[in-house]
Amino acid sequence: MYKVFINEKKLILSETPQNVERNIAFEENLQFDIALDLLQNTSTKDVAIYHNNLEELWLNYQQHFQVIEAAGGIVLNPDKKILFIHRLGKWDLPKGKIEVGESSDIAALREVEEECGLTNLELHEFINSTYHMYHIKSKPVLKKTYWYYMKHDGIAEPKPQVEEGITKVEWKNKVEIQRDVETSTFNNILLILKDFLSKHDIS
């Protein structure tokens, strides 16, 4: 199953119908545009497109849109707090576009260093990918973000990359995440946080 967020609404690509407002049996690529139109221009909150061959469905979906790849990190410090940035009125995780010829793990390290002003990051395992869609010059774009687990054992204070619109960088514990982040972030960030926290204990 794949989940793609569009204006904080959810598109599911799956092998079977789902418990959503609208299910669409996949027959042709035009149905991708129909699903996006429902999510962008109606009150429909979630749509599923289903097909018995999920990987074929997902391949067709990716080929139907321009794909941009990004990478980011969930960073833990010695106090088992997670690093967050604040941008455009929302809490977020540091991430950014992968440059030409750059691997996703190196891009993730670079983006965390740049956006948070930190060095000496220790790269651990790949967590998962998230997907969301937006528009460039009125054309829909699928953004795939690769997420990596990292550690920072230094004592340097993080500093926001203000030229990228980041106003704050903060370490947050579980209580602060529930209080501050979960009430003011994006659905794909909630999704990757849930994935990470199901495997790692934090303070």
N, C-alpha and C. Protein backbone atom coordinates (compact mmCIF):
# COMPACT_ATOMS: atom_id res chain seq x y z
N MET A 1 0.84 -1.19 0.00
CA MET A 1 0.00 0.00 0.00
C MET A 1 0.88 1.25 0.00
N TYR A 2 0.50 2.23 -0.80
CA TYR A 2 1.20 3.51 -0.83
C TYR A 2 0.22 4.62 -0.44
N LYS A 3 0.72 5.60 0.33
CA LYS A 3 -0.10 6.74 0.75
C LYS A 3 0.55 8.01 0.22
N VAL A 4 -0.25 8.79 -0.50
CA VAL A 4 0.22 10.05 -1.06
C VAL A 4 -0.66 11.16 -0.52
N PHE A 5 -0.03 12.20 0.05
CA PHE A 5 -0.81 13.30 0.62
C PHE A 5 -0.89 14.45 -0.36
N ILE A 6 -2.11 14.97 -0.51
CA ILE A 6 -2.40 16.06 -1.43
C ILE A 6 -3.20 17.10 -0.66
N ASN A 7 -2.58 18.24 -0.36
CA ASN A 7 -3.23 19.25 0.48
C ASN A 7 -3.74 18.65 1.78
N GLU A 8 -2.94 17.79 2.38
CA GLU A 8 -3.24 17.12 3.65
C GLU A 8 -4.39 16.12 3.55
N LYS A 9 -4.88 15.88 2.34
CA LYS A 9 -5.83 14.79 2.10
C LYS A 9 -5.06 13.57 1.62
N LYS A 10 -5.69 12.41 1.67
CA LYS A 10 -4.95 11.17 1.45
C LYS A 10 -5.45 10.40 0.23
N LEU A 11 -4.47 10.03 -0.62
CA LEU A 11 -4.72 9.12 -1.73
C LEU A 11 -4.00 7.81 -1.42
N ILE A 12 -4.74 6.71 -1.44
CA ILE A 12 -4.16 5.39 -1.17
C ILE A 12 -4.13 4.61 -2.47
N LEU A 13 -3.00 3.98 -2.75
CA LEU A 13 -2.90 3.04 -3.86
C LEU A 13 -2.71 1.66 -3.25
N SER A 14 -3.61 0.75 -3.59
CA SER A 14 -3.65 -0.54 -2.90
C SER A 14 -4.12 -1.64 -3.83
N GLU A 15 -4.10 -2.86 -3.32
CA GLU A 15 -4.57 -4.01 -4.10
C GLU A 15 -6.07 -4.24 -3.95
N THR A 16 -6.65 -3.70 -2.91
CA THR A 16 -8.07 -3.93 -2.62
C THR A 16 -8.74 -2.61 -2.23
N PRO A 17 -10.07 -2.52 -2.30
CA PRO A 17 -10.77 -1.33 -1.83
C PRO A 17 -10.47 -1.06 -0.35
N GLN A 18 -10.51 0.23 0.02
CA GLN A 18 -10.18 0.64 1.38
C GLN A 18 -11.38 1.32 2.04
N ASN A 19 -11.27 1.53 3.33
CA ASN A 19 -12.32 2.22 4.09
C ASN A 19 -12.14 3.73 3.94
N VAL A 20 -12.48 4.24 2.76
CA VAL A 20 -12.34 5.66 2.43
C VAL A 20 -13.64 6.16 1.79
N GLU A 21 -13.70 7.47 1.53
CA GLU A 21 -14.91 8.04 0.96
C GLU A 21 -15.18 7.57 -0.47
N ARG A 22 -14.09 7.33 -1.21
CA ARG A 22 -14.26 6.96 -2.62
C ARG A 22 -13.22 5.93 -3.03
N ASN A 23 -13.67 4.81 -3.58
CA ASN A 23 -12.79 3.80 -4.14
C ASN A 23 -12.91 3.80 -5.65
N ILE A 24 -11.77 3.69 -6.33
CA ILE A 24 -11.75 3.68 -7.78
C ILE A 24 -10.95 2.46 -8.25
N ALA A 25 -11.58 1.61 -9.03
CA ALA A 25 -10.88 0.45 -9.60
C ALA A 25 -10.03 0.96 -10.78
N PHE A 26 -8.74 0.66 -10.75
CA PHE A 26 -7.83 1.17 -11.79
C PHE A 26 -8.03 0.45 -13.11
N GLU A 27 -8.23 1.24 -14.16
CA GLU A 27 -8.31 0.70 -15.52
C GLU A 27 -7.38 1.46 -16.47
N GLU A 28 -7.26 2.77 -16.23
CA GLU A 28 -6.40 3.59 -17.08
C GLU A 28 -5.88 4.79 -16.28
N ASN A 29 -4.81 5.41 -16.80
CA ASN A 29 -4.14 6.48 -16.06
C ASN A 29 -5.01 7.71 -15.84
N LEU A 30 -6.03 7.89 -16.64
CA LEU A 30 -6.95 9.02 -16.46
C LEU A 30 -7.54 9.01 -15.05
N GLN A 31 -7.65 7.86 -14.45
CA GLN A 31 -8.24 7.77 -13.12
C GLN A 31 -7.36 8.41 -12.04
N PHE A 32 -6.07 8.54 -12.31
CA PHE A 32 -5.20 9.27 -11.38
C PHE A 32 -5.63 10.74 -11.33
N ASP A 33 -5.91 11.32 -12.50
CA ASP A 33 -6.32 12.71 -12.56
C ASP A 33 -7.70 12.90 -11.92
N ILE A 34 -8.57 11.92 -12.08
CA ILE A 34 -9.89 11.98 -11.46
C ILE A 34 -9.75 12.00 -9.94
N ALA A 35 -8.87 11.14 -9.41
CA ALA A 35 -8.65 11.09 -7.96
C ALA A 35 -8.09 12.40 -7.44
N LEU A 36 -7.13 12.98 -8.16
CA LEU A 36 -6.56 14.25 -7.73
C LEU A 36 -7.60 15.36 -7.76
N ASP A 37 -8.44 15.34 -8.79
CA ASP A 37 -9.49 16.36 -8.88
C ASP A 37 -10.45 16.25 -7.70
N LEU A 38 -10.80 15.04 -7.31
CA LEU A 38 -11.68 14.84 -6.15
C LEU A 38 -11.06 15.41 -4.88
N LEU A 39 -9.77 15.17 -4.70
CA LEU A 39 -9.10 15.60 -3.47
C LEU A 39 -8.80 17.09 -3.47
N GLN A 40 -8.61 17.67 -4.63
CA GLN A 40 -8.26 19.08 -4.69
C GLN A 40 -9.47 20.01 -4.82
N ASN A 41 -10.53 19.52 -5.44
CA ASN A 41 -11.63 20.42 -5.78
C ASN A 41 -12.98 20.05 -5.19
N THR A 42 -13.02 19.04 -4.34
CA THR A 42 -14.26 18.68 -3.66
C THR A 42 -13.97 18.51 -2.17
N SER A 43 -14.98 18.20 -1.40
CA SER A 43 -14.81 18.01 0.04
C SER A 43 -14.31 16.60 0.39
N THR A 44 -14.09 15.76 -0.62
CA THR A 44 -13.62 14.40 -0.38
C THR A 44 -12.27 14.42 0.34
N LYS A 45 -12.17 13.67 1.44
CA LYS A 45 -10.95 13.70 2.26
C LYS A 45 -9.98 12.57 1.95
N ASP A 46 -10.49 11.47 1.42
CA ASP A 46 -9.59 10.36 1.09
C ASP A 46 -10.17 9.52 -0.04
N VAL A 47 -9.26 9.07 -0.89
CA VAL A 47 -9.61 8.28 -2.07
C VAL A 47 -8.64 7.11 -2.17
N ALA A 48 -9.14 5.96 -2.60
CA ALA A 48 -8.27 4.82 -2.87
C ALA A 48 -8.41 4.40 -4.33
N ILE A 49 -7.29 4.14 -4.97
CA ILE A 49 -7.27 3.52 -6.29
C ILE A 49 -6.71 2.12 -6.09
N TYR A 50 -7.42 1.12 -6.57
CA TYR A 50 -6.96 -0.25 -6.30
C TYR A 50 -6.83 -1.06 -7.60
N HIS A 51 -5.88 -2.01 -7.51
CA HIS A 51 -5.56 -2.86 -8.66
C HIS A 51 -4.87 -4.10 -8.12
N ASN A 52 -5.10 -5.24 -8.74
CA ASN A 52 -4.56 -6.48 -8.18
C ASN A 52 -3.03 -6.57 -8.25
N ASN A 53 -2.40 -5.74 -9.08
CA ASN A 53 -0.94 -5.69 -9.13
C ASN A 53 -0.50 -4.32 -8.61
N LEU A 54 -0.17 -4.27 -7.32
CA LEU A 54 0.13 -2.99 -6.68
C LEU A 54 1.37 -2.32 -7.27
N GLU A 55 2.42 -3.09 -7.53
CA GLU A 55 3.64 -2.48 -8.04
C GLU A 55 3.45 -1.93 -9.45
N GLU A 56 2.65 -2.59 -10.24
CA GLU A 56 2.33 -2.07 -11.57
C GLU A 56 1.53 -0.77 -11.45
N LEU A 57 0.59 -0.75 -10.53
CA LEU A 57 -0.20 0.46 -10.28
C LEU A 57 0.70 1.61 -9.85
N TRP A 58 1.61 1.34 -8.93
CA TRP A 58 2.49 2.38 -8.42
C TRP A 58 3.45 2.88 -9.50
N LEU A 59 3.94 1.98 -10.32
CA LEU A 59 4.82 2.37 -11.43
C LEU A 59 4.08 3.28 -12.40
N ASN A 60 2.84 2.93 -12.74
CA ASN A 60 2.04 3.77 -13.64
C ASN A 60 1.80 5.14 -13.03
N TYR A 61 1.55 5.16 -11.71
CA TYR A 61 1.29 6.43 -11.03
C TYR A 61 2.52 7.34 -11.12
N GLN A 62 3.69 6.79 -10.82
CA GLN A 62 4.92 7.59 -10.86
C GLN A 62 5.23 8.08 -12.27
N GLN A 63 4.97 7.25 -13.25
CA GLN A 63 5.26 7.64 -14.64
C GLN A 63 4.28 8.68 -15.17
N HIS A 64 3.14 8.82 -14.50
CA HIS A 64 2.11 9.75 -14.93
C HIS A 64 2.43 11.19 -14.50
N PHE A 65 3.33 11.36 -13.53
CA PHE A 65 3.63 12.68 -13.00
C PHE A 65 5.14 12.92 -12.99
N GLN A 66 5.51 14.18 -12.94
CA GLN A 66 6.92 14.51 -12.69
C GLN A 66 7.25 14.10 -11.26
N VAL A 67 8.39 13.46 -11.06
CA VAL A 67 8.81 13.03 -9.72
C VAL A 67 10.04 13.82 -9.29
N ILE A 68 9.98 14.40 -8.10
CA ILE A 68 11.12 15.07 -7.49
C ILE A 68 11.49 14.32 -6.22
N GLU A 69 12.78 14.05 -6.04
CA GLU A 69 13.22 13.29 -4.88
C GLU A 69 13.92 14.19 -3.87
N ALA A 70 13.62 13.95 -2.60
CA ALA A 70 14.21 14.69 -1.50
C ALA A 70 14.67 13.70 -0.43
N ALA A 71 15.39 14.21 0.55
CA ALA A 71 15.85 13.35 1.65
C ALA A 71 15.95 14.16 2.92
N GLY A 72 15.73 13.49 4.05
CA GLY A 72 15.80 14.18 5.33
C GLY A 72 16.10 13.21 6.45
N GLY A 73 16.10 13.74 7.67
CA GLY A 73 16.48 12.90 8.79
C GLY A 73 15.65 13.10 10.04
N ILE A 74 15.51 12.03 10.79
CA ILE A 74 15.03 12.09 12.17
C ILE A 74 16.28 11.94 13.03
N VAL A 75 16.63 13.02 13.73
CA VAL A 75 17.89 13.09 14.47
C VAL A 75 17.61 12.99 15.96
N LEU A 76 18.34 12.11 16.62
CA LEU A 76 18.23 11.90 18.07
C LEU A 76 19.50 12.40 18.74
N ASN A 77 19.34 13.12 19.87
CA ASN A 77 20.51 13.54 20.65
C ASN A 77 20.71 12.60 21.85
N PRO A 78 21.76 12.78 22.66
CA PRO A 78 21.99 11.88 23.79
C PRO A 78 20.84 11.83 24.79
N ASP A 79 20.02 12.88 24.84
CA ASP A 79 18.86 12.89 25.74
C ASP A 79 17.64 12.23 25.11
N LYS A 80 17.83 11.62 23.93
CA LYS A 80 16.75 10.96 23.19
C LYS A 80 15.62 11.92 22.82
N LYS A 81 16.01 13.12 22.44
CA LYS A 81 15.07 14.09 21.91
C LYS A 81 15.24 14.16 20.39
N ILE A 82 14.17 14.50 19.70
CA ILE A 82 14.18 14.58 18.23
C ILE A 82 14.30 16.03 17.79
N LEU A 83 15.04 16.24 16.72
CA LEU A 83 15.29 17.58 16.19
C LEU A 83 14.19 17.99 15.20
N PHE A 84 13.59 19.16 15.43
CA PHE A 84 12.54 19.69 14.56
C PHE A 84 12.89 21.09 14.11
N ILE A 85 12.40 21.45 12.92
CA ILE A 85 12.49 22.82 12.44
C ILE A 85 11.09 23.42 12.40
N HIS A 86 11.01 24.74 12.46
CA HIS A 86 9.72 25.44 12.36
C HIS A 86 9.78 26.35 11.14
N ARG A 87 8.84 26.13 10.21
CA ARG A 87 8.84 26.89 8.96
C ARG A 87 7.40 27.03 8.48
N LEU A 88 7.06 28.20 7.99
CA LEU A 88 5.72 28.48 7.45
C LEU A 88 4.63 28.13 8.46
N GLY A 89 4.91 28.39 9.72
CA GLY A 89 3.91 28.19 10.76
C GLY A 89 3.69 26.75 11.19
N LYS A 90 4.55 25.84 10.72
CA LYS A 90 4.39 24.42 11.05
C LYS A 90 5.71 23.84 11.55
N TRP A 91 5.60 22.84 12.41
CA TRP A 91 6.77 22.06 12.79
C TRP A 91 7.02 21.02 11.70
N ASP A 92 8.29 20.79 11.42
CA ASP A 92 8.67 19.91 10.32
C ASP A 92 9.97 19.21 10.69
N LEU A 93 10.35 18.24 9.88
CA LEU A 93 11.64 17.59 10.01
C LEU A 93 12.57 18.12 8.92
N PRO A 94 13.86 18.28 9.21
CA PRO A 94 14.77 18.81 8.19
C PRO A 94 14.89 17.89 6.98
N LYS A 95 14.80 18.50 5.81
CA LYS A 95 14.84 17.72 4.57
C LYS A 95 15.07 18.67 3.41
N GLY A 96 15.40 18.14 2.25
CA GLY A 96 15.57 18.98 1.07
C GLY A 96 15.80 18.15 -0.17
N LYS A 97 15.84 18.82 -1.29
CA LYS A 97 15.95 18.17 -2.59
C LYS A 97 17.31 17.50 -2.77
N ILE A 98 17.30 16.32 -3.37
CA ILE A 98 18.53 15.61 -3.70
C ILE A 98 19.17 16.24 -4.94
N GLU A 99 20.45 16.55 -4.85
CA GLU A 99 21.14 17.15 -5.98
C GLU A 99 21.55 16.10 -7.00
N VAL A 100 21.81 16.54 -8.23
CA VAL A 100 22.21 15.63 -9.31
C VAL A 100 23.47 14.87 -8.92
N GLY A 101 23.42 13.54 -9.04
CA GLY A 101 24.57 12.71 -8.72
C GLY A 101 24.76 12.41 -7.26
N GLU A 102 23.86 12.88 -6.42
CA GLU A 102 23.96 12.71 -4.97
C GLU A 102 23.11 11.53 -4.52
N SER A 103 23.63 10.72 -3.60
CA SER A 103 22.84 9.62 -3.06
C SER A 103 21.87 10.16 -2.01
N SER A 104 20.81 9.42 -1.76
CA SER A 104 19.77 9.91 -0.83
C SER A 104 20.30 10.04 0.60
N ASP A 105 21.20 9.15 1.04
CA ASP A 105 21.69 9.24 2.41
C ASP A 105 22.62 10.44 2.59
N ILE A 106 23.47 10.71 1.60
CA ILE A 106 24.36 11.87 1.68
C ILE A 106 23.54 13.16 1.61
N ALA A 107 22.50 13.17 0.77
CA ALA A 107 21.62 14.34 0.69
C ALA A 107 20.93 14.60 2.01
N ALA A 108 20.49 13.54 2.67
CA ALA A 108 19.83 13.68 3.97
C ALA A 108 20.76 14.32 4.99
N LEU A 109 21.99 13.83 5.06
CA LEU A 109 22.98 14.41 5.98
C LEU A 109 23.23 15.88 5.65
N ARG A 110 23.43 16.17 4.39
CA ARG A 110 23.71 17.55 3.98
C ARG A 110 22.57 18.49 4.35
N GLU A 111 21.34 18.06 4.06
CA GLU A 111 20.19 18.92 4.33
C GLU A 111 20.00 19.18 5.82
N VAL A 112 20.20 18.16 6.65
CA VAL A 112 20.08 18.36 8.10
C VAL A 112 21.16 19.32 8.58
N GLU A 113 22.39 19.15 8.09
CA GLU A 113 23.48 20.04 8.47
C GLU A 113 23.18 21.48 8.07
N GLU A 114 22.70 21.66 6.83
CA GLU A 114 22.45 23.01 6.34
C GLU A 114 21.28 23.68 7.05
N GLU A 115 20.19 22.95 7.21
CA GLU A 115 18.99 23.56 7.77
C GLU A 115 19.07 23.78 9.28
N CYS A 116 19.93 22.99 9.95
CA CYS A 116 19.98 23.05 11.41
C CYS A 116 21.32 23.52 11.96
N GLY A 117 22.29 23.78 11.08
CA GLY A 117 23.57 24.28 11.54
C GLY A 117 24.35 23.31 12.40
N LEU A 118 24.24 22.01 12.12
CA LEU A 118 24.92 21.00 12.90
C LEU A 118 25.94 20.25 12.05
N THR A 119 26.97 19.72 12.70
CA THR A 119 27.93 18.85 12.04
C THR A 119 28.10 17.59 12.90
N ASN A 120 28.96 16.70 12.47
CA ASN A 120 29.25 15.47 13.22
C ASN A 120 27.99 14.61 13.44
N LEU A 121 27.17 14.55 12.41
CA LEU A 121 26.00 13.68 12.48
C LEU A 121 26.40 12.24 12.17
N GLU A 122 25.78 11.32 12.85
CA GLU A 122 26.06 9.90 12.65
C GLU A 122 24.87 9.26 11.94
N LEU A 123 25.10 8.78 10.73
CA LEU A 123 24.02 8.21 9.92
C LEU A 123 23.75 6.77 10.34
N HIS A 124 22.49 6.47 10.59
CA HIS A 124 22.08 5.10 10.90
C HIS A 124 21.20 4.59 9.75
N GLU A 125 20.18 3.80 10.06
CA GLU A 125 19.47 3.12 8.99
C GLU A 125 18.42 3.99 8.29
N PHE A 126 18.07 3.55 7.10
CA PHE A 126 16.95 4.11 6.35
C PHE A 126 15.66 3.76 7.08
N ILE A 127 14.75 4.72 7.21
CA ILE A 127 13.49 4.50 7.93
C ILE A 127 12.39 4.10 6.94
N ASN A 128 12.07 5.02 6.04
CA ASN A 128 11.01 4.79 5.06
C ASN A 128 10.93 6.00 4.14
N SER A 129 10.00 5.96 3.20
CA SER A 129 9.77 7.11 2.32
C SER A 129 8.36 7.63 2.51
N THR A 130 8.19 8.93 2.29
CA THR A 130 6.85 9.52 2.29
C THR A 130 6.63 10.19 0.94
N TYR A 131 5.34 10.42 0.62
CA TYR A 131 4.98 10.98 -0.68
C TYR A 131 3.93 12.08 -0.51
N HIS A 132 4.14 13.18 -1.20
CA HIS A 132 3.08 14.18 -1.27
C HIS A 132 3.15 14.87 -2.62
N MET A 133 2.08 15.56 -2.96
CA MET A 133 1.97 16.21 -4.26
C MET A 133 1.72 17.70 -4.10
N TYR A 134 2.29 18.45 -5.04
CA TYR A 134 2.07 19.88 -5.11
C TYR A 134 2.16 20.28 -6.59
N HIS A 135 2.07 21.57 -6.87
CA HIS A 135 2.07 22.01 -8.27
C HIS A 135 3.26 22.93 -8.56
N ILE A 136 3.84 22.75 -9.72
CA ILE A 136 4.83 23.69 -10.26
C ILE A 136 4.28 24.18 -11.59
N LYS A 137 4.02 25.48 -11.66
CA LYS A 137 3.43 26.09 -12.86
C LYS A 137 2.18 25.33 -13.29
N SER A 138 1.32 25.08 -12.33
CA SER A 138 0.02 24.42 -12.49
C SER A 138 0.09 22.94 -12.86
N LYS A 139 1.30 22.38 -12.93
CA LYS A 139 1.44 20.95 -13.23
C LYS A 139 1.71 20.16 -11.96
N PRO A 140 1.00 19.04 -11.76
CA PRO A 140 1.18 18.26 -10.53
C PRO A 140 2.54 17.57 -10.48
N VAL A 141 3.14 17.59 -9.30
CA VAL A 141 4.45 16.99 -9.07
C VAL A 141 4.34 16.03 -7.90
N LEU A 142 4.93 14.85 -8.03
CA LEU A 142 4.99 13.88 -6.95
C LEU A 142 6.35 14.00 -6.28
N LYS A 143 6.36 14.30 -5.00
CA LYS A 143 7.62 14.42 -4.26
C LYS A 143 7.80 13.20 -3.37
N LYS A 144 8.92 12.51 -3.58
CA LYS A 144 9.27 11.35 -2.76
C LYS A 144 10.41 11.76 -1.83
N THR A 145 10.20 11.57 -0.52
CA THR A 145 11.23 11.93 0.45
C THR A 145 11.73 10.68 1.16
N TYR A 146 13.05 10.47 1.10
CA TYR A 146 13.69 9.35 1.80
C TYR A 146 14.10 9.84 3.19
N TRP A 147 13.74 9.05 4.21
CA TRP A 147 14.04 9.45 5.59
C TRP A 147 15.06 8.50 6.23
N TYR A 148 16.02 9.11 6.94
CA TYR A 148 17.08 8.34 7.60
C TYR A 148 17.14 8.68 9.09
N TYR A 149 17.47 7.67 9.85
CA TYR A 149 17.70 7.83 11.29
C TYR A 149 19.14 8.30 11.48
N MET A 150 19.31 9.37 12.28
CA MET A 150 20.63 9.92 12.57
C MET A 150 20.78 10.18 14.06
N LYS A 151 22.02 10.27 14.50
CA LYS A 151 22.32 10.66 15.88
C LYS A 151 23.27 11.85 15.88
N HIS A 152 23.11 12.67 16.91
CA HIS A 152 24.04 13.78 17.11
C HIS A 152 24.51 13.75 18.55
N ASP A 153 25.80 13.53 18.74
CA ASP A 153 26.35 13.42 20.09
C ASP A 153 27.12 14.66 20.51
N GLY A 154 27.11 15.68 19.66
CA GLY A 154 27.83 16.91 19.99
C GLY A 154 27.07 17.79 20.97
N ILE A 155 27.71 18.88 21.36
CA ILE A 155 27.09 19.81 22.32
C ILE A 155 26.68 21.11 21.64
N ALA A 156 26.98 21.23 20.35
CA ALA A 156 26.64 22.47 19.64
C ALA A 156 25.13 22.66 19.57
N GLU A 157 24.71 23.91 19.75
CA GLU A 157 23.29 24.25 19.65
C GLU A 157 22.90 24.38 18.18
N PRO A 158 21.78 23.80 17.78
CA PRO A 158 21.35 23.95 16.38
C PRO A 158 20.96 25.40 16.07
N LYS A 159 21.16 25.80 14.82
CA LYS A 159 20.82 27.14 14.39
C LYS A 159 19.98 27.07 13.11
N PRO A 160 18.87 27.80 13.05
CA PRO A 160 18.00 27.72 11.86
C PRO A 160 18.63 28.37 10.64
N GLN A 161 18.39 27.76 9.48
CA GLN A 161 18.83 28.35 8.21
C GLN A 161 17.77 29.36 7.78
N VAL A 162 17.93 30.59 8.22
CA VAL A 162 16.88 31.60 8.05
C VAL A 162 16.61 31.91 6.59
N GLU A 163 17.64 31.78 5.73
CA GLU A 163 17.42 32.08 4.31
C GLU A 163 16.50 31.07 3.65
N GLU A 164 16.27 29.94 4.31
CA GLU A 164 15.31 28.95 3.82
C GLU A 164 13.96 29.07 4.53
N GLY A 165 13.77 30.16 5.24
CA GLY A 165 12.49 30.40 5.90
C GLY A 165 12.31 29.65 7.22
N ILE A 166 13.39 29.10 7.74
CA ILE A 166 13.31 28.36 9.01
C ILE A 166 13.48 29.36 10.15
N THR A 167 12.52 29.39 11.05
CA THR A 167 12.56 30.38 12.14
C THR A 167 13.06 29.80 13.46
N LYS A 168 12.90 28.48 13.65
CA LYS A 168 13.35 27.86 14.90
C LYS A 168 13.85 26.44 14.61
N VAL A 169 14.81 26.00 15.41
CA VAL A 169 15.25 24.60 15.43
C VAL A 169 15.28 24.18 16.88
N GLU A 170 14.57 23.12 17.23
CA GLU A 170 14.47 22.71 18.63
C GLU A 170 14.51 21.20 18.78
N TRP A 171 15.13 20.76 19.89
CA TRP A 171 15.06 19.36 20.30
C TRP A 171 13.79 19.17 21.12
N LYS A 172 13.02 18.12 20.84
CA LYS A 172 11.77 17.93 21.56
C LYS A 172 11.65 16.49 22.06
N ASN A 173 11.15 16.37 23.29
CA ASN A 173 10.90 15.04 23.87
C ASN A 173 9.49 14.57 23.50
N LYS A 174 9.12 13.41 23.98
CA LYS A 174 7.84 12.81 23.60
C LYS A 174 6.66 13.70 23.97
N VAL A 175 6.69 14.26 25.18
CA VAL A 175 5.59 15.12 25.63
C VAL A 175 5.49 16.36 24.75
N GLU A 176 6.63 16.97 24.44
CA GLU A 176 6.65 18.18 23.61
C GLU A 176 6.21 17.87 22.18
N ILE A 177 6.56 16.70 21.69
CA ILE A 177 6.10 16.30 20.35
C ILE A 177 4.59 16.19 20.32
N GLN A 178 4.03 15.54 21.33
CA GLN A 178 2.57 15.38 21.40
C GLN A 178 1.88 16.73 21.55
N ARG A 179 2.46 17.62 22.34
CA ARG A 179 1.85 18.92 22.63
C ARG A 179 2.00 19.91 21.48
N ASP A 180 3.23 19.99 20.92
CA ASP A 180 3.53 21.03 19.95
C ASP A 180 3.47 20.55 18.49
N VAL A 181 4.13 19.43 18.22
CA VAL A 181 4.32 19.00 16.85
C VAL A 181 3.07 18.34 16.27
N GLU A 182 2.51 17.38 17.00
CA GLU A 182 1.39 16.62 16.45
C GLU A 182 0.16 17.48 16.16
N THR A 183 0.08 18.64 16.81
CA THR A 183 -1.06 19.54 16.58
C THR A 183 -0.76 20.58 15.51
N SER A 184 0.50 20.61 15.01
CA SER A 184 0.86 21.64 14.04
C SER A 184 1.97 21.14 13.11
N THR A 185 1.64 20.11 12.35
CA THR A 185 2.59 19.59 11.37
C THR A 185 1.83 19.00 10.19
N PHE A 186 2.54 18.31 9.31
CA PHE A 186 1.94 17.75 8.11
C PHE A 186 1.68 16.26 8.29
N ASN A 187 0.70 15.75 7.56
CA ASN A 187 0.32 14.34 7.73
C ASN A 187 1.45 13.38 7.37
N ASN A 188 2.26 13.73 6.36
CA ASN A 188 3.36 12.82 6.03
C ASN A 188 4.44 12.81 7.11
N ILE A 189 4.57 13.93 7.86
CA ILE A 189 5.51 13.96 8.99
C ILE A 189 4.97 13.10 10.13
N LEU A 190 3.67 13.17 10.38
CA LEU A 190 3.07 12.29 11.39
C LEU A 190 3.27 10.83 11.03
N LEU A 191 3.17 10.54 9.74
CA LEU A 191 3.31 9.16 9.28
C LEU A 191 4.72 8.63 9.53
N ILE A 192 5.76 9.42 9.17
CA ILE A 192 7.13 8.94 9.35
C ILE A 192 7.52 8.93 10.82
N LEU A 193 6.99 9.86 11.60
CA LEU A 193 7.24 9.84 13.04
C LEU A 193 6.67 8.59 13.69
N LYS A 194 5.46 8.24 13.30
CA LYS A 194 4.83 7.03 13.82
C LYS A 194 5.65 5.80 13.48
N ASP A 195 6.14 5.75 12.24
CA ASP A 195 6.98 4.63 11.80
C ASP A 195 8.24 4.55 12.66
N PHE A 196 8.90 5.70 12.86
CA PHE A 196 10.13 5.73 13.64
C PHE A 196 9.90 5.37 15.10
N LEU A 197 8.86 5.94 15.70
CA LEU A 197 8.62 5.72 17.13
C LEU A 197 8.14 4.31 17.43
N SER A 198 7.65 3.61 16.42
CA SER A 198 7.25 2.20 16.64
C SER A 198 8.48 1.30 16.80
N LYS A 199 9.66 1.83 16.42
CA LYS A 199 10.88 1.02 16.48
C LYS A 199 11.92 1.57 17.46
N HIS A 200 11.74 2.82 17.90
CA HIS A 200 12.75 3.45 18.76
C HIS A 200 12.07 4.13 19.94
N ASP A 201 12.67 4.01 21.11
CA ASP A 201 12.18 4.68 22.31
C ASP A 201 12.83 6.05 22.43
N ILE A 202 12.04 7.06 22.76
CA ILE A 202 12.59 8.37 23.04
C ILE A 202 12.12 8.79 24.42
N SER A 203 12.70 9.89 24.91
CA SER A 203 12.41 10.34 26.28
C SER A 203 11.00 10.88 26.42
